[in-house]
Amino acid sequence: MGHAESLACELGEASFVIVPGMACGIDAAAHRSAIPTGTIGVIASGVDIIYPTENRELFAQIVKDGVTVSQNAPE
């Protein structure tokens, strides 16, 4: 996880936007590190279904300070 966090941070500082999914593990670590510089959360379900549920706080932070996208309409 440490490598994903440092890589996301370094890329963000170099003006790249980090675009992982909202999964646990590496995706969540990359999002957390990239929130200050820019991150986009790609959601497999509709934006009204937060999965995995343990990422609720992370999802809320990305909605506040970043962007979330989904190909599915809210249910």
C-alpha atoms as a PDB file:
ATOM      1  CA  MET A   1       0.000   0.000   0.000  1.00  0.00           C
ATOM      2  CA  GLY A   2       2.819   2.371   0.810  1.00  0.00           C
ATOM      3  CA  HIS A   3       4.054   2.335  -2.775  1.00  0.00           C
ATOM      4  CA  ALA A   4       0.571   3.125  -4.138  1.00  0.00           C
ATOM      5  CA  GLU A   5       0.214   6.004  -1.685  1.00  0.00           C
ATOM      6  CA  SER A   6       3.602   7.517  -2.495  1.00  0.00           C
ATOM      7  CA  LEU A   7       3.146   7.054  -6.257  1.00  0.00           C
ATOM      8  CA  ALA A   8      -0.309   8.683  -6.194  1.00  0.00           C
ATOM      9  CA  CYS A   9       1.076  11.561  -4.138  1.00  0.00           C
ATOM     10  CA  GLU A  10       4.044  12.104  -6.462  1.00  0.00           C
ATOM     11  CA  LEU A  11       1.897  11.915  -9.598  1.00  0.00           C
ATOM     12  CA  GLY A  12      -0.609  14.342  -8.087  1.00  0.00           C
ATOM     13  CA  GLU A  13       2.169  16.791  -7.264  1.00  0.00           C
ATOM     14  CA  ALA A  14       3.258  16.521 -10.927  1.00  0.00           C
ATOM     15  CA  SER A  15      -0.271  17.654 -11.990  1.00  0.00           C
ATOM     16  CA  PHE A  16      -1.680  14.228 -12.841  1.00  0.00           C
ATOM     17  CA  VAL A  17      -5.201  13.367 -11.673  1.00  0.00           C
ATOM     18  CA  ILE A  18      -5.498   9.935 -10.069  1.00  0.00           C
ATOM     19  CA  VAL A  19      -8.440   7.844 -11.347  1.00  0.00           C
ATOM     20  CA  PRO A  20      -8.763   4.495  -9.539  1.00  0.00           C
ATOM     21  CA  GLY A  21     -11.936   2.604  -8.756  1.00  0.00           C
ATOM     22  CA  MET A  22     -13.446   2.839  -5.310  1.00  0.00           C
ATOM     23  CA  ALA A  23     -12.283  -0.629  -4.231  1.00  0.00           C
ATOM     24  CA  CYS A  24     -10.521  -1.401  -0.965  1.00  0.00           C
ATOM     25  CA  GLY A  25      -6.774  -1.759  -0.842  1.00  0.00           C
ATOM     26  CA  ILE A  26      -4.618  -0.050  -3.441  1.00  0.00           C
ATOM     27  CA  ASP A  27      -7.491   1.937  -4.976  1.00  0.00           C
ATOM     28  CA  ALA A  28      -8.501   3.436  -1.625  1.00  0.00           C
ATOM     29  CA  ALA A  29      -4.860   4.126  -0.709  1.00  0.00           C
ATOM     30  CA  ALA A  30      -4.306   5.963  -3.992  1.00  0.00           C
ATOM     31  CA  HIS A  31      -7.471   8.039  -3.493  1.00  0.00           C
ATOM     32  CA  ARG A  32      -6.500   9.027   0.061  1.00  0.00           C
ATOM     33  CA  SER A  33      -3.083  10.214  -1.094  1.00  0.00           C
ATOM     34  CA  ALA A  34      -4.447  12.067  -4.114  1.00  0.00           C
ATOM     35  CA  ILE A  35      -7.338  13.953  -2.500  1.00  0.00           C
ATOM     36  CA  PRO A  36      -5.210  17.104  -1.955  1.00  0.00           C
ATOM     37  CA  THR A  37      -4.084  17.203  -5.613  1.00  0.00           C
ATOM     38  CA  GLY A  38      -7.046  15.689  -7.463  1.00  0.00           C
ATOM     39  CA  THR A  39      -8.784  12.352  -7.669  1.00  0.00           C
ATOM     40  CA  ILE A  40     -11.719  10.856  -9.543  1.00  0.00           C
ATOM     41  CA  GLY A  41     -13.540   7.864  -8.055  1.00  0.00           C
ATOM     42  CA  VAL A  42     -14.855   5.451 -10.668  1.00  0.00           C
ATOM     43  CA  ILE A  43     -17.853   3.628  -9.233  1.00  0.00           C
ATOM     44  CA  ALA A  44     -19.035   0.297 -10.642  1.00  0.00           C
ATOM     45  CA  SER A  45     -22.555   0.732  -9.251  1.00  0.00           C
ATOM     46  CA  GLY A  46     -24.710   3.855  -9.368  1.00  0.00           C
ATOM     47  CA  VAL A  47     -23.397   6.850  -7.425  1.00  0.00           C
ATOM     48  CA  ASP A  48     -26.060   6.256  -4.790  1.00  0.00           C
ATOM     49  CA  ILE A  49     -24.689   2.803  -3.908  1.00  0.00           C
ATOM     50  CA  ILE A  50     -21.418   2.991  -2.036  1.00  0.00           C
ATOM     51  CA  TYR A  51     -19.558  -0.275  -2.342  1.00  0.00           C
ATOM     52  CA  PRO A  52     -17.611  -1.444  -0.518  1.00  0.00           C
ATOM     53  CA  THR A  53     -19.414   0.061   2.451  1.00  0.00           C
ATOM     54  CA  GLU A  54     -16.180   0.524   4.399  1.00  0.00           C
ATOM     55  CA  ASN A  55     -15.269   3.262   1.895  1.00  0.00           C
ATOM     56  CA  ARG A  56     -18.215   5.505   2.885  1.00  0.00           C
ATOM     57  CA  GLU A  57     -16.019   8.165   4.506  1.00  0.00           C
ATOM     58  CA  LEU A  58     -13.570   8.083   1.615  1.00  0.00           C
ATOM     59  CA  PHE A  59     -16.461   8.392  -0.851  1.00  0.00           C
ATOM     60  CA  ALA A  60     -17.821  11.413   1.049  1.00  0.00           C
ATOM     61  CA  GLN A  61     -14.393  13.050   1.022  1.00  0.00           C
ATOM     62  CA  ILE A  62     -14.001  12.496  -2.738  1.00  0.00           C
ATOM     63  CA  VAL A  63     -17.489  13.910  -3.375  1.00  0.00           C
ATOM     64  CA  LYS A  64     -16.491  16.981  -1.338  1.00  0.00           C
ATOM     65  CA  ASP A  65     -12.996  17.528  -2.765  1.00  0.00           C
ATOM     66  CA  GLY A  66     -12.870  15.548  -6.011  1.00  0.00           C
ATOM     67  CA  VAL A  67     -15.159  13.900  -8.542  1.00  0.00           C
ATOM     68  CA  THR A  68     -17.056  10.611  -8.741  1.00  0.00           C
ATOM     69  CA  VAL A  69     -18.316   9.014 -11.948  1.00  0.00           C
ATOM     70  CA  SER A  70     -20.414   5.992 -12.840  1.00  0.00           C
ATOM     71  CA  GLN A  71     -21.847   4.612 -16.053  1.00  0.00           C
ATOM     72  CA  ASN A  72     -24.985   3.617 -14.148  1.00  0.00           C
ATOM     73  CA  ALA A  73     -27.900   5.844 -13.228  1.00  0.00           C
ATOM     74  CA  PRO A  74     -28.813   6.162  -9.529  1.00  0.00           C
ATOM     75  CA  GLU A  75     -31.430   3.620  -8.425  1.00  0.00           C
END
